[in-house]
Amino acid sequence: MTTTVTGSPAPVPVRCGRRITGMAAVLLPFTPAGEPDRPGFDAHLGRTLDAGLVPAVNMDTGFGPMLDPALRRELLVRTQGVTGGRRFVAGVHVDHQGPFDLDAYRRGLTEAAAAGGLPITFPSPGLAALDDDAYVEAHRAFAAEVDALLAFELGPEFHPAGRIPSIEVFTALLEVPGIVGCKHSSLRRDLEWQRLVVRDARRPDFLLLTGNDRALDMVIYGSDYLLGLATFAPDAFAARDSAWADGDLVRFWVLNDLLAYLGQFAFRAPVPGYRHDAAMFLRLRGQLACDRTHPSSPSRPEADREVLAEILTRLEAALTG
């Protein structure tokens, strides 16, 4: 069953009862000594899989742009071992600040694919500086390296080289068969609705993965998701998604509203501070021993813990009620 939301930029159908594809960017936890908590990472990756979500590693939530290449490779290997052949997404990064480096992207794409991951290309200063035609050609070259990949529209509030391309560029990327989806992280409903209209008309099987952690109901319009917020509570996201597929709208909206409250709170400015909120939330759940994050990542005030605890109490009641 569909209903229609009218207004700018175009009518967008609400798709009741559809199966939502959910992906969670996995937090990389840290120890009190400031080192990556590898067992904690493995355990949280396992919980994400057990919930039924597709884990995504070396993403912004996992501090992917801040990690050295050797650690990113190690996490790929660990993920391959934990997932045991199950699907996962892997961020591809280019670390230097110079001109566009296709060879560096090629190496990252093949490395991610060889580990069993679906690669997703992170921005870099060189990629962001390309004009529209060259940007599309770069993605055609990416697609020639692997069987499948995800494109990434990432706003500058998340990454200094972030870029939200025009709708014309998005439309051109739909024509590249090897690009099977795109994560859209503008935090703007209108731009995402616009892409859904084009996607539905031109390539309905293309995954448009919302990255809007402040508007979780984008899934009712046909977006799927790859969210940092989903790392706070993969089980709650899975329960919400199941309620939508089952037509249990009361349960869907109860869970969605609580998760939306969490998203609005955690993803306030400075947006990268959400990772510290994630660590605090997981520690409150008894799932992490420490809520330290990467030393280059902004932290949240201690007062956040009280708000997160109140949200957790309400969320646990909704899950068990």
Protein backbone atom coordinates (compact mmCIF):
# COMPACT_ATOMS: atom_id res chain seq x y z
CA MET A 1 0.00 0.00 0.00
CA THR A 2 1.27 3.50 -0.79
CA THR A 3 0.17 6.98 0.08
CA THR A 4 1.65 10.17 -1.32
CA VAL A 5 3.43 13.08 0.31
CA THR A 6 3.13 16.14 -1.89
CA GLY A 7 5.19 19.30 -2.08
CA SER A 8 8.72 20.25 -3.01
CA PRO A 9 10.56 18.78 -4.77
CA ALA A 10 8.11 16.14 -6.08
CA PRO A 11 5.48 13.68 -4.88
CA VAL A 12 7.13 10.86 -2.92
CA PRO A 13 5.21 7.65 -2.14
CA VAL A 14 5.10 6.18 1.34
CA ARG A 15 5.78 2.47 1.00
CA CYS A 16 3.98 0.61 3.75
CA GLY A 17 4.97 -2.95 4.50
CA ARG A 18 8.24 -3.08 2.57
CA ARG A 19 11.36 -4.86 3.79
CA ILE A 20 13.99 -2.33 4.81
CA THR A 21 17.68 -2.99 4.20
CA GLY A 22 19.47 -1.81 7.33
CA MET A 23 23.20 -1.18 7.59
CA ALA A 24 25.03 0.01 10.70
CA ALA A 25 28.38 1.79 10.70
CA VAL A 26 30.24 -0.03 13.48
CA LEU A 27 31.89 1.98 16.23
CA LEU A 28 35.54 1.18 16.89
CA PRO A 29 35.84 1.26 20.71
CA PHE A 30 38.98 2.26 22.60
CA THR A 31 40.59 1.09 25.84
CA PRO A 32 41.34 3.28 28.86
CA ALA A 33 44.93 3.42 27.56
CA GLY A 34 43.70 4.96 24.30
CA GLU A 35 44.30 1.87 22.14
CA PRO A 36 41.72 0.25 19.85
CA ASP A 37 39.64 -2.25 21.80
CA ARG A 38 39.86 -5.17 19.40
CA PRO A 39 37.80 -7.67 21.42
CA GLY A 40 35.20 -4.95 21.99
CA PHE A 41 35.10 -4.30 18.25
CA ASP A 42 34.65 -8.00 17.48
CA ALA A 43 31.84 -8.32 20.01
CA HIS A 44 30.00 -5.26 18.75
CA LEU A 45 30.39 -6.42 15.17
CA GLY A 46 28.88 -9.75 16.22
CA ARG A 47 25.92 -8.05 17.91
CA THR A 48 25.26 -6.06 14.75
CA LEU A 49 25.23 -9.24 12.67
CA ASP A 50 23.04 -11.04 15.21
CA ALA A 51 20.51 -8.21 15.04
CA GLY A 52 20.22 -8.77 11.30
CA LEU A 53 21.86 -5.54 10.16
CA VAL A 54 24.69 -5.33 7.62
CA PRO A 55 27.79 -4.01 9.41
CA ALA A 56 29.92 -1.32 7.80
CA VAL A 57 33.52 -0.98 9.00
CA ASN A 58 36.20 1.66 8.55
CA MET A 59 33.41 4.22 8.26
CA ASP A 60 33.33 7.62 9.94
CA THR A 61 31.73 5.96 13.00
CA GLY A 62 34.74 3.65 13.17
CA PHE A 63 37.15 6.60 12.77
CA GLY A 64 38.13 5.25 9.34
CA PRO A 65 39.53 8.55 8.03
CA MET A 66 41.66 8.90 11.18
CA LEU A 67 43.17 5.41 11.21
CA ASP A 68 46.47 4.48 9.65
CA PRO A 69 46.27 2.12 6.65
CA ALA A 70 47.73 -0.80 8.59
CA LEU A 71 44.99 -0.61 11.23
CA ARG A 72 42.28 -0.32 8.58
CA ARG A 73 43.67 -3.45 6.93
CA GLU A 74 43.75 -5.26 10.27
CA LEU A 75 40.11 -4.36 10.93
CA LEU A 76 39.19 -5.65 7.48
CA VAL A 77 40.80 -9.00 8.30
CA ARG A 78 39.09 -9.12 11.70
CA THR A 79 35.75 -8.31 10.08
CA GLN A 80 36.24 -11.04 7.50
CA GLY A 81 36.81 -13.51 10.31
CA VAL A 82 33.82 -12.43 12.40
CA THR A 83 31.38 -12.20 9.50
CA GLY A 84 32.27 -15.66 8.18
CA GLY A 85 31.06 -14.96 4.67
CA ARG A 86 28.12 -12.77 5.65
CA ARG A 87 27.76 -9.43 3.90
CA PHE A 88 29.55 -6.34 5.15
CA VAL A 89 30.51 -2.90 3.82
CA ALA A 90 34.06 -1.51 3.99
CA GLY A 91 35.16 2.10 3.70
CA VAL A 92 37.84 2.94 1.11
CA HIS A 93 40.09 5.88 1.98
CA VAL A 94 42.80 7.91 0.29
CA ASP A 95 44.97 9.53 2.94
CA HIS A 96 47.03 12.10 1.07
CA GLN A 97 45.86 15.67 0.53
CA GLY A 98 47.09 16.07 -3.05
CA PRO A 99 45.42 15.73 -6.45
CA PHE A 100 42.98 12.97 -7.30
CA ASP A 101 44.76 9.61 -7.07
CA LEU A 102 42.90 6.92 -9.00
CA ASP A 103 45.55 4.31 -8.27
CA ALA A 104 45.16 4.80 -4.51
CA TYR A 105 41.40 4.31 -4.82
CA ARG A 106 41.98 1.22 -6.96
CA ARG A 107 44.18 -0.31 -4.28
CA GLY A 108 41.61 0.38 -1.59
CA LEU A 109 38.73 -0.98 -3.65
CA THR A 110 40.47 -4.23 -4.47
CA GLU A 111 41.65 -4.64 -0.87
CA ALA A 112 38.11 -4.23 0.49
CA ALA A 113 36.63 -6.58 -2.11
CA ALA A 114 39.34 -9.20 -1.56
CA ALA A 115 38.38 -9.30 2.14
CA GLY A 116 34.78 -9.99 1.18
CA GLY A 117 33.47 -6.48 1.74
CA LEU A 118 31.27 -4.29 -0.43
CA PRO A 119 33.49 -1.20 -0.90
CA ILE A 120 32.20 2.33 -0.34
CA THR A 121 34.39 5.20 -1.56
CA PHE A 122 35.07 7.95 0.96
CA PRO A 123 35.75 11.51 -0.22
CA SER A 124 39.23 12.91 -0.57
CA PRO A 125 40.38 16.44 -1.44
CA GLY A 126 41.37 15.28 -4.92
CA LEU A 127 38.04 13.61 -5.63
CA ALA A 128 36.08 16.56 -4.25
CA ALA A 129 37.99 18.98 -6.49
CA LEU A 130 37.00 17.27 -9.75
CA ASP A 131 34.41 18.90 -11.99
CA ASP A 132 31.16 17.03 -12.50
CA ASP A 133 32.20 15.18 -15.65
CA ALA A 134 35.53 14.09 -14.18
CA TYR A 135 33.78 13.06 -10.95
CA VAL A 136 31.45 10.74 -12.87
CA GLU A 137 34.36 9.34 -14.91
CA ALA A 138 36.26 8.65 -11.70
CA HIS A 139 33.34 6.56 -10.48
CA ARG A 140 33.23 4.69 -13.78
CA ALA A 141 36.87 3.85 -13.22
CA PHE A 142 36.11 2.72 -9.65
CA ALA A 143 33.39 0.40 -10.94
CA ALA A 144 35.82 -1.18 -13.41
CA GLU A 145 37.97 -2.46 -10.53
CA VAL A 146 35.41 -4.49 -8.55
CA ASP A 147 32.19 -6.38 -9.11
CA ALA A 148 30.13 -3.93 -7.05
CA LEU A 149 30.57 -0.82 -4.92
CA LEU A 150 28.67 1.95 -3.18
CA ALA A 151 29.10 5.63 -3.97
CA PHE A 152 29.10 8.13 -1.11
CA GLU A 153 27.59 11.61 -0.97
CA LEU A 154 28.96 12.97 2.30
CA GLY A 155 28.38 16.48 3.61
CA PRO A 156 31.23 18.67 4.87
CA GLU A 157 29.87 18.56 8.43
CA PHE A 158 31.05 14.93 8.51
CA HIS A 159 34.28 15.20 6.50
CA PRO A 160 36.40 18.22 5.45
CA ALA A 161 36.47 16.95 1.84
CA GLY A 162 32.77 16.15 1.84
CA ARG A 163 30.75 16.92 -1.24
CA ILE A 164 27.06 16.58 -2.09
CA PRO A 165 27.02 16.38 -5.91
CA SER A 166 24.23 17.75 -8.05
CA ILE A 167 21.18 15.69 -8.97
CA GLU A 168 22.61 15.52 -12.50
CA VAL A 169 25.72 13.78 -11.17
CA PHE A 170 23.59 11.39 -9.12
CA THR A 171 21.56 10.59 -12.23
CA ALA A 172 24.74 9.85 -14.17
CA LEU A 173 25.96 7.49 -11.43
CA LEU A 174 22.72 5.52 -11.77
CA GLU A 175 23.87 4.62 -15.29
CA VAL A 176 27.02 2.87 -14.00
CA PRO A 177 26.03 -0.81 -13.52
CA GLY A 178 28.76 -1.65 -11.02
CA ILE A 179 27.59 1.06 -8.63
CA VAL A 180 24.80 -0.76 -6.81
CA GLY A 181 23.88 1.99 -4.38
CA CYS A 182 24.75 5.33 -2.84
CA LYS A 183 24.87 6.53 0.75
CA HIS A 184 23.43 10.03 0.94
CA SER A 185 24.53 12.08 3.95
CA SER A 186 23.43 15.65 3.38
CA LEU A 187 21.13 15.67 6.47
CA ARG A 188 18.51 17.21 4.14
CA ARG A 189 15.18 15.59 3.35
CA ASP A 190 14.59 17.57 0.16
CA LEU A 191 17.78 16.39 -1.53
CA GLU A 192 17.11 12.79 -0.56
CA TRP A 193 13.48 12.94 -1.76
CA GLN A 194 14.76 14.33 -5.04
CA ARG A 195 17.09 11.37 -5.43
CA LEU A 196 14.34 8.89 -4.58
CA VAL A 197 12.17 10.26 -7.38
CA VAL A 198 15.00 9.90 -9.90
CA ARG A 199 16.00 6.46 -8.57
CA ASP A 200 12.45 5.13 -8.78
CA ALA A 201 12.06 6.35 -12.34
CA ARG A 202 15.41 5.17 -13.69
CA ARG A 203 16.76 2.27 -11.60
CA PRO A 204 14.40 0.98 -8.91
CA ASP A 205 16.82 -1.71 -7.68
CA PHE A 206 19.50 0.88 -6.83
CA LEU A 207 20.03 1.19 -3.07
CA LEU A 208 19.61 4.73 -1.82
CA LEU A 209 21.01 4.49 1.69
CA THR A 210 19.99 7.37 3.89
CA GLY A 211 22.72 8.75 6.08
CA ASN A 212 20.33 11.22 7.72
CA ASP A 213 20.61 10.36 11.40
CA ARG A 214 18.24 13.23 12.16
CA ALA A 215 15.38 11.99 9.93
CA LEU A 216 15.05 8.27 10.50
CA ASP A 217 11.64 8.08 8.86
CA MET A 218 13.20 8.47 5.41
CA VAL A 219 12.83 4.69 5.22
CA ILE A 220 9.05 5.02 4.83
CA TYR A 221 9.60 6.76 1.48
CA GLY A 222 11.83 4.03 0.05
CA SER A 223 15.29 4.84 1.34
CA ASP A 224 17.22 2.09 3.01
CA TYR A 225 19.93 3.12 5.46
CA LEU A 226 23.57 3.08 6.46
CA LEU A 227 23.66 4.99 9.73
CA GLY A 228 26.14 5.74 12.45
CA LEU A 229 23.19 6.01 14.81
CA ALA A 230 22.40 2.34 14.22
CA THR A 231 25.58 1.39 16.10
CA PHE A 232 23.97 2.66 19.34
CA ALA A 233 21.24 -0.02 19.21
CA PRO A 234 21.27 -2.42 16.25
CA ASP A 235 18.59 -4.51 17.96
CA ALA A 236 16.23 -1.54 18.22
CA PHE A 237 16.70 -0.63 14.57
CA ALA A 238 16.03 -4.24 13.56
CA ALA A 239 12.86 -4.33 15.68
CA ARG A 240 11.67 -1.06 14.16
CA ASP A 241 12.30 -2.35 10.63
CA SER A 242 10.46 -5.59 11.32
CA ALA A 243 7.47 -3.66 12.65
CA TRP A 244 7.29 -1.69 9.40
CA ALA A 245 7.47 -4.85 7.29
CA ASP A 246 4.78 -6.50 9.45
CA GLY A 247 2.46 -3.51 9.25
CA ASP A 248 2.68 -2.88 13.01
CA LEU A 249 2.62 0.89 12.70
CA VAL A 250 2.17 1.57 16.41
CA ARG A 251 5.34 -0.34 17.31
CA PHE A 252 7.20 1.16 14.34
CA TRP A 253 6.47 4.74 15.37
CA VAL A 254 7.13 4.17 19.06
CA LEU A 255 10.60 2.83 18.27
CA ASN A 256 11.25 5.29 15.46
CA ASP A 257 10.35 8.28 17.67
CA LEU A 258 12.72 7.17 20.42
CA LEU A 259 15.53 6.51 17.96
CA ALA A 260 14.85 9.86 16.29
CA TYR A 261 15.14 11.58 19.67
CA LEU A 262 18.47 9.83 20.16
CA GLY A 263 19.59 10.92 16.68
CA GLN A 264 18.66 14.55 17.16
CA PHE A 265 20.50 14.62 20.47
CA ALA A 266 23.63 12.72 19.46
CA PHE A 267 24.07 14.36 16.05
CA ARG A 268 24.03 17.96 17.25
CA ALA A 269 27.03 20.19 16.53
CA PRO A 270 29.82 19.34 16.42
CA VAL A 271 28.41 16.37 14.55
CA PRO A 272 31.51 14.10 14.93
CA GLY A 273 30.90 14.14 18.68
CA TYR A 274 28.17 11.56 18.14
CA ARG A 275 30.86 8.89 18.34
CA HIS A 276 31.50 9.71 21.99
CA ASP A 277 27.76 9.56 22.66
CA ALA A 278 27.74 6.14 20.98
CA ALA A 279 30.51 4.90 23.25
CA MET A 280 28.74 6.25 26.34
CA PHE A 281 25.44 4.68 25.25
CA LEU A 282 27.02 1.28 24.64
CA ARG A 283 28.76 1.46 27.99
CA LEU A 284 25.43 2.24 29.66
CA ARG A 285 24.07 -0.87 27.95
CA GLY A 286 26.90 -2.92 29.48
CA GLN A 287 28.33 -3.65 26.03
CA LEU A 288 31.59 -1.71 26.34
CA ALA A 289 34.02 -1.49 29.22
CA CYS A 290 35.18 2.02 28.32
CA ASP A 291 33.70 5.02 26.53
CA ARG A 292 36.94 6.53 25.26
CA THR A 293 37.14 7.42 21.58
CA HIS A 294 39.89 8.28 19.12
CA PRO A 295 42.07 11.11 20.51
CA SER A 296 41.38 13.29 17.47
CA SER A 297 37.61 12.98 17.83
CA PRO A 298 35.59 15.61 19.75
CA SER A 299 34.14 14.53 23.08
CA ARG A 300 30.76 15.24 24.66
CA PRO A 301 30.13 16.72 28.12
CA GLU A 302 29.52 14.40 31.06
CA ALA A 303 25.95 15.72 31.23
CA ASP A 304 25.14 13.75 28.06
CA ARG A 305 25.25 10.56 30.08
CA GLU A 306 22.07 11.44 31.99
CA VAL A 307 20.11 12.15 28.81
CA LEU A 308 21.39 8.97 27.15
CA ALA A 309 20.43 6.92 30.22
CA GLU A 310 16.88 8.28 30.09
CA ILE A 311 16.58 7.45 26.39
CA LEU A 312 17.96 3.96 27.04
CA THR A 313 15.40 3.31 29.78
CA ARG A 314 12.56 4.27 27.48
CA LEU A 315 13.99 2.32 24.57
CA GLU A 316 14.42 -0.87 26.60
CA ALA A 317 10.83 -0.57 27.81
CA ALA A 318 9.63 -0.21 24.23
CA LEU A 319 11.62 -3.24 23.10
CA THR A 320 10.27 -5.47 25.85
CA GLY A 321 6.75 -4.06 26.01
